[in-house]
Each structure stands twice: as C-alpha cells, then as structure tokens.
PDB file of N, CA and C in Angstrom:
ATOM      1  N   MET A   1      -7.044  10.685  29.312  1.00  0.00           N
ATOM      2  CA  MET A   1      -6.881  10.780  27.902  1.00  0.00           C
ATOM      3  C   MET A   1      -8.237  11.463  27.263  1.00  0.00           C
ATOM      4  N   ALA A   2      -7.867  12.409  26.272  1.00  0.00           N
ATOM      5  CA  ALA A   2      -8.428  13.405  25.487  1.00  0.00           C
ATOM      6  C   ALA A   2      -9.435  12.564  24.812  1.00  0.00           C
ATOM      7  N   LYS A   3     -10.779  12.949  24.573  1.00  0.00           N
ATOM      8  CA  LYS A   3     -11.681  12.034  23.834  1.00  0.00           C
ATOM      9  C   LYS A   3     -11.196  12.627  22.264  1.00  0.00           C
ATOM     10  N   LYS A   4     -11.471  11.947  21.432  1.00  0.00           N
ATOM     11  CA  LYS A   4     -10.995  12.134  20.018  1.00  0.00           C
ATOM     12  C   LYS A   4     -12.524  12.439  19.140  1.00  0.00           C
ATOM     13  N   ILE A   5     -12.215  13.779  18.389  1.00  0.00           N
ATOM     14  CA  ILE A   5     -13.528  14.184  17.630  1.00  0.00           C
ATOM     15  C   ILE A   5     -12.658  14.211  16.179  1.00  0.00           C
ATOM     16  N   LEU A   6     -13.845  13.378  15.327  1.00  0.00           N
ATOM     17  CA  LEU A   6     -13.416  13.598  13.822  1.00  0.00           C
ATOM     18  C   LEU A   6     -14.808  14.613  13.298  1.00  0.00           C
ATOM     19  N   ILE A   7     -14.116  15.575  12.373  1.00  0.00           N
ATOM     20  CA  ILE A   7     -14.659  16.691  11.855  1.00  0.00           C
ATOM     21  C   ILE A   7     -14.651  16.299  10.189  1.00  0.00           C
ATOM     22  N   VAL A   8     -15.850  16.062   9.697  1.00  0.00           N
ATOM     23  CA  VAL A   8     -15.876  16.255   8.260  1.00  0.00           C
ATOM     24  C   VAL A   8     -16.653  16.874   7.518  1.00  0.00           C
ATOM     25  N   ASP A   9     -16.076  17.898   6.897  1.00  0.00           N
ATOM     26  CA  ASP A   9     -16.572  18.841   6.060  1.00  0.00           C
ATOM     27  C   ASP A   9     -15.937  19.743   5.313  1.00  0.00           C
ATOM     28  N   ASP A  10     -16.393  19.958   4.192  1.00  0.00           N
ATOM     29  CA  ASP A  10     -15.459  20.523   2.949  1.00  0.00           C
ATOM     30  C   ASP A  10     -15.280  22.055   3.149  1.00  0.00           C
ATOM     31  N   GLU A  11     -15.524  22.476   4.001  1.00  0.00           N
ATOM     32  CA  GLU A  11     -15.322  24.282   4.343  1.00  0.00           C
ATOM     33  C   GLU A  11     -14.188  24.179   5.405  1.00  0.00           C
ATOM     34  N   ALA A  12     -12.990  24.456   4.833  1.00  0.00           N
ATOM     35  CA  ALA A  12     -11.848  24.584   5.512  1.00  0.00           C
ATOM     36  C   ALA A  12     -11.818  25.462   6.884  1.00  0.00           C
ATOM     37  N   ASP A  13     -12.331  26.763   6.810  1.00  0.00           N
ATOM     38  CA  ASP A  13     -12.607  27.751   7.959  1.00  0.00           C
ATOM     39  C   ASP A  13     -13.356  27.217   8.607  1.00  0.00           C
ATOM     40  N   LEU A  14     -14.472  26.407   8.180  1.00  0.00           N
ATOM     41  CA  LEU A  14     -15.502  25.744   9.284  1.00  0.00           C
ATOM     42  C   LEU A  14     -14.499  24.650  10.343  1.00  0.00           C
ATOM     43  N   ILE A  15     -14.009  23.939   9.359  1.00  0.00           N
ATOM     44  CA  ILE A  15     -13.188  23.010  10.393  1.00  0.00           C
ATOM     45  C   ILE A  15     -12.368  23.854  11.344  1.00  0.00           C
ATOM     46  N   PHE A  16     -11.639  25.036  10.523  1.00  0.00           N
ATOM     47  CA  PHE A  16     -10.470  25.201  11.739  1.00  0.00           C
ATOM     48  C   PHE A  16     -11.139  26.110  13.099  1.00  0.00           C
ATOM     49  N   MET A  17     -12.174  26.601  12.776  1.00  0.00           N
ATOM     50  CA  MET A  17     -13.197  27.341  13.870  1.00  0.00           C
ATOM     51  C   MET A  17     -13.706  26.329  14.967  1.00  0.00           C
ATOM     52  N   ILE A  18     -14.275  25.050  14.261  1.00  0.00           N
ATOM     53  CA  ILE A  18     -14.511  24.203  15.461  1.00  0.00           C
ATOM     54  C   ILE A  18     -13.574  23.454  16.147  1.00  0.00           C
ATOM     55  N   LYS A  19     -12.328  23.527  15.386  1.00  0.00           N
ATOM     56  CA  LYS A  19     -11.305  22.470  15.676  1.00  0.00           C
ATOM     57  C   LYS A  19     -10.563  23.511  17.028  1.00  0.00           C
ATOM     58  N   ALA A  20     -10.468  24.435  16.725  1.00  0.00           N
ATOM     59  CA  ALA A  20     -10.101  25.654  17.832  1.00  0.00           C
ATOM     60  C   ALA A  20     -10.764  25.482  18.764  1.00  0.00           C
ATOM     61  N   VAL A  21     -12.040  25.445  18.858  1.00  0.00           N
ATOM     62  CA  VAL A  21     -13.101  25.824  19.983  1.00  0.00           C
ATOM     63  C   VAL A  21     -12.951  24.533  20.914  1.00  0.00           C
ATOM     64  N   LEU A  22     -13.265  23.182  20.092  1.00  0.00           N
ATOM     65  CA  LEU A  22     -12.949  21.802  20.815  1.00  0.00           C
ATOM     66  C   LEU A  22     -11.662  21.661  21.245  1.00  0.00           C
ATOM     67  N   GLU A  23     -10.572  21.938  20.973  1.00  0.00           N
ATOM     68  CA  GLU A  23      -8.924  21.958  21.113  1.00  0.00           C
ATOM     69  C   GLU A  23      -8.717  22.788  22.573  1.00  0.00           C
ATOM     70  N   LYS A  24      -9.314  23.748  22.426  1.00  0.00           N
ATOM     71  CA  LYS A  24      -9.265  24.512  23.636  1.00  0.00           C
ATOM     72  C   LYS A  24      -9.903  24.184  25.028  1.00  0.00           C
ATOM     73  N   ASP A  25     -11.045  23.234  24.633  1.00  0.00           N
ATOM     74  CA  ASP A  25     -11.543  22.494  25.691  1.00  0.00           C
ATOM     75  C   ASP A  25     -11.291  21.400  26.064  1.00  0.00           C
ATOM     76  N   GLY A  26      -9.823  20.771  25.418  1.00  0.00           N
ATOM     77  CA  GLY A  26      -9.238  19.621  25.678  1.00  0.00           C
ATOM     78  C   GLY A  26      -9.391  18.292  24.775  1.00  0.00           C
ATOM     79  N   TYR A  27     -10.429  18.758  23.862  1.00  0.00           N
ATOM     80  CA  TYR A  27     -10.466  17.231  22.793  1.00  0.00           C
ATOM     81  C   TYR A  27      -9.429  17.297  21.885  1.00  0.00           C
ATOM     82  N   GLU A  28      -9.362  16.264  21.782  1.00  0.00           N
ATOM     83  CA  GLU A  28      -8.434  15.828  20.336  1.00  0.00           C
ATOM     84  C   GLU A  28      -9.182  16.082  19.155  1.00  0.00           C
ATOM     85  N   VAL A  29      -8.650  16.742  17.974  1.00  0.00           N
ATOM     86  CA  VAL A  29      -9.516  16.782  16.499  1.00  0.00           C
ATOM     87  C   VAL A  29      -8.686  16.373  15.675  1.00  0.00           C
ATOM     88  N   VAL A  30      -9.294  15.436  14.859  1.00  0.00           N
ATOM     89  CA  VAL A  30      -8.851  15.051  13.505  1.00  0.00           C
ATOM     90  C   VAL A  30      -9.949  15.575  12.466  1.00  0.00           C
ATOM     91  N   SER A  31      -9.498  15.709  11.224  1.00  0.00           N
ATOM     92  CA  SER A  31     -10.558  16.447  10.055  1.00  0.00           C
ATOM     93  C   SER A  31     -10.092  15.717   8.760  1.00  0.00           C
ATOM     94  N   ALA A  32     -11.306  15.539   7.974  1.00  0.00           N
ATOM     95  CA  ALA A  32     -11.107  15.197   6.814  1.00  0.00           C
ATOM     96  C   ALA A  32     -12.391  16.162   5.923  1.00  0.00           C
ATOM     97  N   THR A  33     -11.881  16.289   4.522  1.00  0.00           N
ATOM     98  CA  THR A  33     -12.531  17.421   3.836  1.00  0.00           C
ATOM     99  C   THR A  33     -13.758  17.020   2.943  1.00  0.00           C
ATOM    100  N   ASP A  34     -13.706  15.524   2.959  1.00  0.00           N
ATOM    101  CA  ASP A  34     -14.833  14.928   2.221  1.00  0.00           C
ATOM    102  C   ASP A  34     -15.355  13.515   2.852  1.00  0.00           C
ATOM    103  N   GLY A  35     -16.308  12.686   2.297  1.00  0.00           N
ATOM    104  CA  GLY A  35     -16.738  11.212   2.774  1.00  0.00           C
ATOM    105  C   GLY A  35     -15.230  10.489   2.649  1.00  0.00           C
ATOM    106  N   ASN A  36     -14.858  10.461   1.509  1.00  0.00           N
ATOM    107  CA  ASN A  36     -13.774   9.586   0.968  1.00  0.00           C
ATOM    108  C   ASN A  36     -12.762   9.499   2.175  1.00  0.00           C
ATOM    109  N   ALA A  37     -12.088  10.724   2.226  1.00  0.00           N
ATOM    110  CA  ALA A  37     -10.973  11.044   2.901  1.00  0.00           C
ATOM    111  C   ALA A  37     -11.499  10.624   4.331  1.00  0.00           C
ATOM    112  N   ALA A  38     -12.687  10.868   4.972  1.00  0.00           N
ATOM    113  CA  ALA A  38     -13.025  10.346   6.206  1.00  0.00           C
ATOM    114  C   ALA A  38     -13.052   8.665   6.724  1.00  0.00           C
ATOM    115  N   LEU A  39     -13.244   7.970   5.511  1.00  0.00           N
ATOM    116  CA  LEU A  39     -13.403   6.292   5.533  1.00  0.00           C
ATOM    117  C   LEU A  39     -11.956   6.001   5.546  1.00  0.00           C
ATOM    118  N   LYS A  40     -10.872   7.014   4.727  1.00  0.00           N
ATOM    119  CA  LYS A  40      -9.695   6.531   4.600  1.00  0.00           C
ATOM    120  C   LYS A  40      -8.956   6.480   6.259  1.00  0.00           C
ATOM    121  N   LEU A  41      -9.541   7.995   6.920  1.00  0.00           N
ATOM    122  CA  LEU A  41      -8.999   8.167   8.175  1.00  0.00           C
ATOM    123  C   LEU A  41      -9.570   7.144   9.221  1.00  0.00           C
ATOM    124  N   LEU A  42     -10.815   6.806   8.961  1.00  0.00           N
ATOM    125  CA  LEU A  42     -11.258   5.531  10.032  1.00  0.00           C
ATOM    126  C   LEU A  42     -10.969   4.414   9.972  1.00  0.00           C
ATOM    127  N   LYS A  43      -9.996   3.828   9.051  1.00  0.00           N
ATOM    128  CA  LYS A  43      -9.067   2.842   9.140  1.00  0.00           C
ATOM    129  C   LYS A  43      -8.444   2.958  10.269  1.00  0.00           C
ATOM    130  N   THR A  44      -7.621   3.818  10.535  1.00  0.00           N
ATOM    131  CA  THR A  44      -6.661   3.831  11.572  1.00  0.00           C
ATOM    132  C   THR A  44      -7.078   4.645  12.872  1.00  0.00           C
ATOM    133  N   VAL A  45      -8.100   5.426  12.607  1.00  0.00           N
ATOM    134  CA  VAL A  45      -8.413   6.411  13.748  1.00  0.00           C
ATOM    135  C   VAL A  45      -9.827   5.908  14.296  1.00  0.00           C
ATOM    136  N   VAL A  46      -9.847   5.767  15.464  1.00  0.00           N
ATOM    137  CA  VAL A  46     -11.561   5.563  15.878  1.00  0.00           C
ATOM    138  C   VAL A  46     -11.879   6.840  16.887  1.00  0.00           C
ATOM    139  N   PRO A  47     -12.601   7.539  16.315  1.00  0.00           N
ATOM    140  CA  PRO A  47     -13.304   8.653  16.998  1.00  0.00           C
ATOM    141  C   PRO A  47     -14.320   8.573  18.320  1.00  0.00           C
ATOM    142  N   ASP A  48     -14.206   9.201  19.370  1.00  0.00           N
ATOM    143  CA  ASP A  48     -15.195   8.915  20.313  1.00  0.00           C
ATOM    144  C   ASP A  48     -16.653   9.898  19.917  1.00  0.00           C
ATOM    145  N   LEU A  49     -16.519  10.782  18.785  1.00  0.00           N
ATOM    146  CA  LEU A  49     -17.637  11.533  18.002  1.00  0.00           C
ATOM    147  C   LEU A  49     -17.387  12.065  16.870  1.00  0.00           C
ATOM    148  N   MET A  50     -18.210  12.089  16.087  1.00  0.00           N
ATOM    149  CA  MET A  50     -17.970  12.672  14.695  1.00  0.00           C
ATOM    150  C   MET A  50     -18.741  13.953  14.298  1.00  0.00           C
ATOM    151  N   ILE A  51     -18.750  14.826  13.629  1.00  0.00           N
ATOM    152  CA  ILE A  51     -19.077  15.995  13.272  1.00  0.00           C
ATOM    153  C   ILE A  51     -19.078  15.918  11.861  1.00  0.00           C
ATOM    154  N   VAL A  52     -20.358  15.692  11.084  1.00  0.00           N
ATOM    155  CA  VAL A  52     -20.341  15.514   9.686  1.00  0.00           C
ATOM    156  C   VAL A  52     -21.420  16.486   9.181  1.00  0.00           C
ATOM    157  N   ASP A  53     -20.548  17.110   8.007  1.00  0.00           N
ATOM    158  CA  ASP A  53     -21.464  18.249   6.998  1.00  0.00           C
ATOM    159  C   ASP A  53     -22.408  17.138   5.796  1.00  0.00           C
ATOM    160  N   LEU A  54     -23.448  17.730   5.737  1.00  0.00           N
ATOM    161  CA  LEU A  54     -24.239  16.572   4.535  1.00  0.00           C
ATOM    162  C   LEU A  54     -23.978  16.858   3.413  1.00  0.00           C
ATOM    163  N   THR A  55     -23.730  18.289   2.963  1.00  0.00           N
ATOM    164  CA  THR A  55     -23.408  18.577   1.506  1.00  0.00           C
ATOM    165  C   THR A  55     -21.877  18.624   1.384  1.00  0.00           C
ATOM    166  N   MET A  56     -21.272  17.687   0.746  1.00  0.00           N
ATOM    167  CA  MET A  56     -19.697  17.721   0.296  1.00  0.00           C
ATOM    168  C   MET A  56     -19.606  16.919  -1.226  1.00  0.00           C
ATOM    169  N   PRO A  57     -18.485  17.100  -1.700  1.00  0.00           N
ATOM    170  CA  PRO A  57     -18.242  16.675  -3.009  1.00  0.00           C
ATOM    171  C   PRO A  57     -17.979  15.158  -2.589  1.00  0.00           C
ATOM    172  N   MET A  58     -17.918  14.417  -3.579  1.00  0.00           N
ATOM    173  CA  MET A  58     -17.727  13.118  -3.659  1.00  0.00           C
ATOM    174  C   MET A  58     -18.802  12.235  -2.824  1.00  0.00           C
ATOM    175  N   MET A  59     -18.834  12.509  -1.769  1.00  0.00           N
ATOM    176  CA  MET A  59     -19.684  11.685  -1.115  1.00  0.00           C
ATOM    177  C   MET A  59     -20.583  12.234   0.124  1.00  0.00           C
ATOM    178  N   SER A  60     -22.054  12.316  -0.017  1.00  0.00           N
ATOM    179  CA  SER A  60     -22.516  13.055   0.765  1.00  0.00           C
ATOM    180  C   SER A  60     -22.303  12.947   2.236  1.00  0.00           C
ATOM    181  N   GLY A  61     -22.717  13.675   3.208  1.00  0.00           N
ATOM    182  CA  GLY A  61     -22.835  13.141   4.460  1.00  0.00           C
ATOM    183  C   GLY A  61     -23.463  12.032   5.070  1.00  0.00           C
ATOM    184  N   TRP A  62     -24.768  11.926   4.322  1.00  0.00           N
ATOM    185  CA  TRP A  62     -25.890  10.908   4.441  1.00  0.00           C
ATOM    186  C   TRP A  62     -25.289   9.683   4.011  1.00  0.00           C
ATOM    187  N   GLN A  63     -24.457   9.518   2.749  1.00  0.00           N
ATOM    188  CA  GLN A  63     -23.570   8.414   2.480  1.00  0.00           C
ATOM    189  C   GLN A  63     -22.777   7.887   3.444  1.00  0.00           C
ATOM    190  N   LEU A  64     -21.726   9.035   3.852  1.00  0.00           N
ATOM    191  CA  LEU A  64     -20.799   8.708   4.763  1.00  0.00           C
ATOM    192  C   LEU A  64     -21.761   7.885   6.002  1.00  0.00           C
ATOM    193  N   ASN A  65     -22.258   8.510   6.742  1.00  0.00           N
ATOM    194  CA  ASN A  65     -23.129   8.220   7.559  1.00  0.00           C
ATOM    195  C   ASN A  65     -23.515   6.926   7.711  1.00  0.00           C
ATOM    196  N   MET A  66     -24.059   6.462   6.489  1.00  0.00           N
ATOM    197  CA  MET A  66     -24.549   4.877   6.282  1.00  0.00           C
ATOM    198  C   MET A  66     -23.545   3.963   6.206  1.00  0.00           C
ATOM    199  N   LYS A  67     -22.410   4.399   5.761  1.00  0.00           N
ATOM    200  CA  LYS A  67     -21.185   3.637   5.378  1.00  0.00           C
ATOM    201  C   LYS A  67     -20.501   3.359   7.077  1.00  0.00           C
ATOM    202  N   VAL A  68     -20.623   4.612   7.679  1.00  0.00           N
ATOM    203  CA  VAL A  68     -20.030   4.469   9.290  1.00  0.00           C
ATOM    204  C   VAL A  68     -20.869   3.616  10.162  1.00  0.00           C
ATOM    205  N   ARG A  69     -22.155   3.713   9.997  1.00  0.00           N
ATOM    206  CA  ARG A  69     -23.016   2.909  10.712  1.00  0.00           C
ATOM    207  C   ARG A  69     -22.946   1.228  10.430  1.00  0.00           C
ATOM    208  N   GLN A  70     -22.579   0.804   9.041  1.00  0.00           N
ATOM    209  CA  GLN A  70     -22.373  -0.421   8.795  1.00  0.00           C
ATOM    210  C   GLN A  70     -21.426  -1.067   9.488  1.00  0.00           C
ATOM    211  N   ASP A  71     -20.176  -0.153   9.890  1.00  0.00           N
ATOM    212  CA  ASP A  71     -19.061  -0.981  10.665  1.00  0.00           C
ATOM    213  C   ASP A  71     -19.218  -0.865  12.032  1.00  0.00           C
ATOM    214  N   SER A  72     -19.158  -2.060  12.649  1.00  0.00           N
ATOM    215  CA  SER A  72     -19.357  -2.373  14.239  1.00  0.00           C
ATOM    216  C   SER A  72     -18.576  -1.617  15.194  1.00  0.00           C
ATOM    217  N   ARG A  73     -17.806  -1.139  14.571  1.00  0.00           N
ATOM    218  CA  ARG A  73     -16.812  -0.330  15.586  1.00  0.00           C
ATOM    219  C   ARG A  73     -17.737   1.042  15.746  1.00  0.00           C
ATOM    220  N   PHE A  74     -18.173   1.606  15.193  1.00  0.00           N
ATOM    221  CA  PHE A  74     -18.952   2.985  14.875  1.00  0.00           C
ATOM    222  C   PHE A  74     -20.448   2.820  15.272  1.00  0.00           C
ATOM    223  N   LYS A  75     -20.972   1.338  15.474  1.00  0.00           N
ATOM    224  CA  LYS A  75     -22.412   1.682  15.791  1.00  0.00           C
ATOM    225  C   LYS A  75     -23.291   2.543  16.479  1.00  0.00           C
ATOM    226  N   ASN A  76     -22.483   2.636  17.758  1.00  0.00           N
ATOM    227  CA  ASN A  76     -22.808   3.742  18.745  1.00  0.00           C
ATOM    228  C   ASN A  76     -21.958   4.878  18.941  1.00  0.00           C
ATOM    229  N   THR A  77     -21.250   5.464  17.915  1.00  0.00           N
ATOM    230  CA  THR A  77     -20.650   6.340  17.983  1.00  0.00           C
ATOM    231  C   THR A  77     -21.523   7.745  17.900  1.00  0.00           C
ATOM    232  N   PRO A  78     -21.481   8.737  18.695  1.00  0.00           N
ATOM    233  CA  PRO A  78     -22.343   9.793  18.477  1.00  0.00           C
ATOM    234  C   PRO A  78     -22.012  10.431  17.232  1.00  0.00           C
ATOM    235  N   ILE A  79     -22.874  11.201  16.497  1.00  0.00           N
ATOM    236  CA  ILE A  79     -22.568  11.790  15.257  1.00  0.00           C
ATOM    237  C   ILE A  79     -23.531  12.611  15.001  1.00  0.00           C
ATOM    238  N   ILE A  80     -23.004  13.961  14.880  1.00  0.00           N
ATOM    239  CA  ILE A  80     -23.828  15.684  14.757  1.00  0.00           C
ATOM    240  C   ILE A  80     -23.691  15.749  13.230  1.00  0.00           C
ATOM    241  N   VAL A  81     -25.028  16.036  12.971  1.00  0.00           N
ATOM    242  CA  VAL A  81     -24.733  16.420  11.663  1.00  0.00           C
ATOM    243  C   VAL A  81     -24.925  17.882  11.574  1.00  0.00           C
ATOM    244  N   LEU A  82     -24.241  18.326  10.606  1.00  0.00           N
ATOM    245  CA  LEU A  82     -24.324  19.987  10.326  1.00  0.00           C
ATOM    246  C   LEU A  82     -24.898  20.234   9.169  1.00  0.00           C
ATOM    247  N   SER A  83     -26.007  20.982   8.892  1.00  0.00           N
ATOM    248  CA  SER A  83     -26.556  21.315   7.539  1.00  0.00           C
ATOM    249  C   SER A  83     -27.339  22.341   7.159  1.00  0.00           C
ATOM    250  N   GLY A  84     -27.284  23.088   6.275  1.00  0.00           N
ATOM    251  CA  GLY A  84     -28.195  24.058   6.102  1.00  0.00           C
ATOM    252  C   GLY A  84     -29.556  23.325   5.316  1.00  0.00           C
ATOM    253  N   LEU A  85     -29.478  22.041   5.128  1.00  0.00           N
ATOM    254  CA  LEU A  85     -30.596  21.454   4.448  1.00  0.00           C
ATOM    255  C   LEU A  85     -31.764  20.456   5.562  1.00  0.00           C
ATOM    256  N   ILE A  86     -31.471  20.855   6.570  1.00  0.00           N
ATOM    257  CA  ILE A  86     -31.824  20.020   7.680  1.00  0.00           C
ATOM    258  C   ILE A  86     -33.238  20.290   7.564  1.00  0.00           C
ATOM    259  N   GLU A  87     -33.668  21.577   7.509  1.00  0.00           N
ATOM    260  CA  GLU A  87     -35.293  22.094   7.615  1.00  0.00           C
ATOM    261  C   GLU A  87     -35.734  21.638   6.247  1.00  0.00           C
ATOM    262  N   GLN A  88     -35.014  21.436   5.429  1.00  0.00           N
ATOM    263  CA  GLN A  88     -35.794  21.203   3.962  1.00  0.00           C
ATOM    264  C   GLN A  88     -35.983  19.675   4.029  1.00  0.00           C
ATOM    265  N   ASP A  89     -35.407  18.955   4.609  1.00  0.00           N
ATOM    266  CA  ASP A  89     -35.191  17.343   4.125  1.00  0.00           C
ATOM    267  C   ASP A  89     -35.575  16.816   5.597  1.00  0.00           C
ATOM    268  N   SER A  90     -36.832  16.384   5.624  1.00  0.00           N
ATOM    269  CA  SER A  90     -37.158  15.717   6.790  1.00  0.00           C
ATOM    270  C   SER A  90     -37.417  13.879   6.684  1.00  0.00           C
ATOM    271  N   THR A  91     -36.523  13.356   5.863  1.00  0.00           N
ATOM    272  CA  THR A  91     -36.796  11.693   5.564  1.00  0.00           C
ATOM    273  C   THR A  91     -36.729  11.213   6.726  1.00  0.00           C
ATOM    274  N   PRO A  92     -37.419  10.389   7.567  1.00  0.00           N
ATOM    275  CA  PRO A  92     -36.963   9.970   8.711  1.00  0.00           C
ATOM    276  C   PRO A  92     -35.844   8.959   8.903  1.00  0.00           C
ATOM    277  N   GLU A  93     -35.696   8.146   7.807  1.00  0.00           N
ATOM    278  CA  GLU A  93     -34.479   7.213   8.011  1.00  0.00           C
ATOM    279  C   GLU A  93     -33.360   7.655   8.042  1.00  0.00           C
ATOM    280  N   LYS A  94     -33.136   9.140   7.662  1.00  0.00           N
ATOM    281  CA  LYS A  94     -32.077  10.059   7.263  1.00  0.00           C
ATOM    282  C   LYS A  94     -31.662  10.209   8.481  1.00  0.00           C
ATOM    283  N   PHE A  95     -32.657  10.720   9.115  1.00  0.00           N
ATOM    284  CA  PHE A  95     -32.348  11.258  10.657  1.00  0.00           C
ATOM    285  C   PHE A  95     -31.978  10.348  11.822  1.00  0.00           C
ATOM    286  N   GLU A  96     -32.354   9.032  11.614  1.00  0.00           N
ATOM    287  CA  GLU A  96     -32.008   8.179  12.604  1.00  0.00           C
ATOM    288  C   GLU A  96     -30.442   7.744  12.510  1.00  0.00           C
ATOM    289  N   LEU A  97     -29.588   8.007  11.332  1.00  0.00           N
ATOM    290  CA  LEU A  97     -28.022   8.032  11.305  1.00  0.00           C
ATOM    291  C   LEU A  97     -27.267   8.696  12.076  1.00  0.00           C
ATOM    292  N   ALA A  98     -28.392   9.950  12.854  1.00  0.00           N
ATOM    293  CA  ALA A  98     -27.408  10.791  13.701  1.00  0.00           C
ATOM    294  C   ALA A  98     -27.881  11.090  14.896  1.00  0.00           C
ATOM    295  N   SER A  99     -27.064  11.425  16.008  1.00  0.00           N
ATOM    296  CA  SER A  99     -27.273  11.296  17.654  1.00  0.00           C
ATOM    297  C   SER A  99     -27.903  13.134  17.625  1.00  0.00           C
ATOM    298  N   ALA A 100     -27.489  13.914  16.677  1.00  0.00           N
ATOM    299  CA  ALA A 100     -27.853  15.391  17.184  1.00  0.00           C
ATOM    300  C   ALA A 100     -27.572  16.096  15.653  1.00  0.00           C
ATOM    301  N   TYR A 101     -28.355  17.095  15.369  1.00  0.00           N
ATOM    302  CA  TYR A 101     -28.377  18.035  14.206  1.00  0.00           C
ATOM    303  C   TYR A 101     -28.391  19.283  14.519  1.00  0.00           C
ATOM    304  N   MET A 102     -27.488  20.059  13.894  1.00  0.00           N
ATOM    305  CA  MET A 102     -27.474  21.614  14.093  1.00  0.00           C
ATOM    306  C   MET A 102     -27.749  22.387  12.735  1.00  0.00           C
ATOM    307  N   VAL A 103     -28.287  23.129  12.413  1.00  0.00           N
ATOM    308  CA  VAL A 103     -28.685  23.880  11.299  1.00  0.00           C
ATOM    309  C   VAL A 103     -27.560  24.849  10.870  1.00  0.00           C
ATOM    310  N   LYS A 104     -26.918  24.779  10.067  1.00  0.00           N
ATOM    311  CA  LYS A 104     -26.108  26.057   9.459  1.00  0.00           C
ATOM    312  C   LYS A 104     -26.764  27.030   9.155  1.00  0.00           C
ATOM    313  N   PRO A 105     -26.559  28.490   9.339  1.00  0.00           N
ATOM    314  CA  PRO A 105     -25.184  28.661  10.462  1.00  0.00           C
ATOM    315  C   PRO A 105     -25.369  28.329  11.514  1.00  0.00           C
ATOM    316  N   PHE A 106     -24.558  27.939  12.536  1.00  0.00           N
ATOM    317  CA  PHE A 106     -24.763  27.470  14.120  1.00  0.00           C
ATOM    318  C   PHE A 106     -23.761  28.388  14.626  1.00  0.00           C
ATOM    319  N   ASP A 107     -24.152  28.332  16.222  1.00  0.00           N
ATOM    320  CA  ASP A 107     -23.388  28.948  17.159  1.00  0.00           C
ATOM    321  C   ASP A 107     -22.295  27.728  17.699  1.00  0.00           C
ATOM    322  N   VAL A 108     -20.962  28.043  17.753  1.00  0.00           N
ATOM    323  CA  VAL A 108     -20.207  26.863  17.862  1.00  0.00           C
ATOM    324  C   VAL A 108     -20.253  26.801  19.322  1.00  0.00           C
ATOM    325  N   PHE A 109     -20.563  27.670  20.201  1.00  0.00           N
ATOM    326  CA  PHE A 109     -20.458  27.215  21.730  1.00  0.00           C
ATOM    327  C   PHE A 109     -21.339  26.431  21.890  1.00  0.00           C
ATOM    328  N   LYS A 110     -22.562  26.546  21.073  1.00  0.00           N
ATOM    329  CA  LYS A 110     -23.645  25.462  21.267  1.00  0.00           C
ATOM    330  C   LYS A 110     -23.336  24.086  20.523  1.00  0.00           C
ATOM    331  N   LEU A 111     -22.689  23.951  20.001  1.00  0.00           N
ATOM    332  CA  LEU A 111     -22.348  23.091  19.080  1.00  0.00           C
ATOM    333  C   LEU A 111     -21.080  22.183  20.653  1.00  0.00           C
ATOM    334  N   LEU A 112     -20.132  22.921  20.988  1.00  0.00           N
ATOM    335  CA  LEU A 112     -19.688  22.410  22.177  1.00  0.00           C
ATOM    336  C   LEU A 112     -20.351  21.814  23.070  1.00  0.00           C
ATOM    337  N   GLU A 113     -21.058  22.621  23.624  1.00  0.00           N
ATOM    338  CA  GLU A 113     -22.459  21.980  24.665  1.00  0.00           C
ATOM    339  C   GLU A 113     -22.842  20.693  24.357  1.00  0.00           C
ATOM    340  N   LYS A 114     -23.399  20.840  22.805  1.00  0.00           N
ATOM    341  CA  LYS A 114     -23.752  19.412  22.452  1.00  0.00           C
ATOM    342  C   LYS A 114     -22.777  18.334  22.267  1.00  0.00           C
ATOM    343  N   VAL A 115     -21.604  18.312  22.251  1.00  0.00           N
ATOM    344  CA  VAL A 115     -20.420  17.290  22.136  1.00  0.00           C
ATOM    345  C   VAL A 115     -20.006  16.773  23.601  1.00  0.00           C
ATOM    346  N   THR A 116     -20.332  18.030  24.305  1.00  0.00           N
ATOM    347  CA  THR A 116     -19.981  17.661  25.643  1.00  0.00           C
ATOM    348  C   THR A 116     -20.981  16.795  26.379  1.00  0.00           C
ATOM    349  N   GLU A 117     -22.355  17.123  26.090  1.00  0.00           N
ATOM    350  CA  GLU A 117     -23.615  16.247  26.521  1.00  0.00           C
ATOM    351  C   GLU A 117     -23.433  14.882  25.614  1.00  0.00           C
ATOM    352  N   LEU A 118     -23.219  14.896  24.674  1.00  0.00           N
ATOM    353  CA  LEU A 118     -23.179  13.666  23.877  1.00  0.00           C
ATOM    354  C   LEU A 118     -21.952  12.367  24.509  1.00  0.00           C
ATOM    355  N   LEU A 119     -20.755  13.180  24.725  1.00  0.00           N
ATOM    356  CA  LEU A 119     -19.685  12.009  25.282  1.00  0.00           C
ATOM    357  C   LEU A 119     -19.711  12.054  27.118  1.00  0.00           C
ATOM    358  N   LYS A 120     -20.782  12.508  27.358  1.00  0.00           N
ATOM    359  CA  LYS A 120     -20.864  11.934  28.917  1.00  0.00           C
ATOM    360  C   LYS A 120     -21.328  10.669  29.255  1.00  0.00           C
TER     361      LYS A 120
END
C-alpha cells in the first residue's frame, strides 16, 4: 500500500510539481491550499508524512503544525517545512515542530530524497 503524503501550500503550481514527482515515485498525494483546509482534510485522512509551507493565508504553517502536533494521531508524523523564511526566523521552539526543513526555492528531487528518508 502506497504511503500517503499531505501537501499544504497556497501555491497551486508548487503543489502540482511536488505531487507529480511524488506520485511518479509511487506515493499517494493529497493537498490543501491553506491550514484550515488541511485541518478539515485531516479529520478523514491520516497521512504518513506532511509537507507544509509556512506562509499561507488564514493560518500559517507554524499554527497548523502546532495544531497537528496536539492531535495524538499525528504526534510522530514527519513534517517537512518549506519556506523562504527559515534562514530569517530561527526561533528554536518553532523548529521543534518539524522533522526537516527546506528553504524555498528548493530542488524537488532533494525533497523526494528527504521524503524517502523520513518514511523508512
């Protein structure tokens, strides 16, 4: 059975690109364009890994990650954070919410490598 990955990003083109690469590698991919939509999706979907952008409308990736980590179903689910803000914002408690970070712009194939590594 294919591992399920949730992508949460407000950039539709980015979701499309990541989804294409992950599905080609055999992953099942679901997506949401903001944190609120992701929380609704997580009521019925339990992903094996999440890829979350930090800067989104309605609810930031940090806020989403905090809510997700409060749910016992997702305490150990790997979260990869994508953002151009990572180098600027180094608040330690924020970084503890994620398993890995990738600075935008990023290489989608390096993201695939990180996904594969975290799902082993």
